[in-house]
Amino acid sequence: MEHMAPFCVVAAGICWGIIGLFTRQLSAYGLSPLQITFGRALVTAIAMAVVALFRQPRSLAIAPRDIWMFLGTGLGSIVFFNICYFTAIELTTLSVAAILLYTAPSIVMVFSIFLFHERFTRRKGFCLVLAFVGCVLVSGLGMGHVEAAGILAGLGSGFGYASIPFLAAMPWRNMNP
């Protein structure tokens, strides 16, 4: 099965890269970002459950004490970021929505400083400024009419996407709520 790994990586990249095209088409048919997110999550959940059922059935078990994290990550991060991303695609261009989604690494850097007390270096600061300037330039802020709701939705998608690893890595992860 290891020989399939490169194929799977390429296939995942292609699927991720064309999601905006499908979203635009589904929006044109009258589906809302919430409906598109629900459909995407449902198809993914069924496909992953079938694969897990045949390959690693024990991976489907969730300890009762971890249900809150499972729901928090799923609803709080993945559903939130998808709804925001699909809304940004509706309100802006595909490229602007994608660029704003990828503010996530910058958000992760900032979160890491406050949550994990990582050092903030000049290099990190320089990269943060470059990323911010790049987002401003690509999004067209200050260059004609840009819908604020689309920019906010795109930034929300980046925030939601950035929160996924933090919910899994937080110190309270192994504690009961």
Foldseek 3Di string as FASTA:
>chain_A
DVVCVVVVVVVVVVCVVCVLVVLVVVVVVPDALLRVLVVVVVVVVVVVCVVCVVPPNVVPDDDPLQVVLVCCLVVVFSSQLSNLLSVLVVQAPNQLLVLLLVCLVVVLVVCCCVQVVDDDDVVNVVVSVVSVVVSCVRQCVVNPDHDPSSSVSSNSSSVSNNCNVVSCPHPCNPPGD
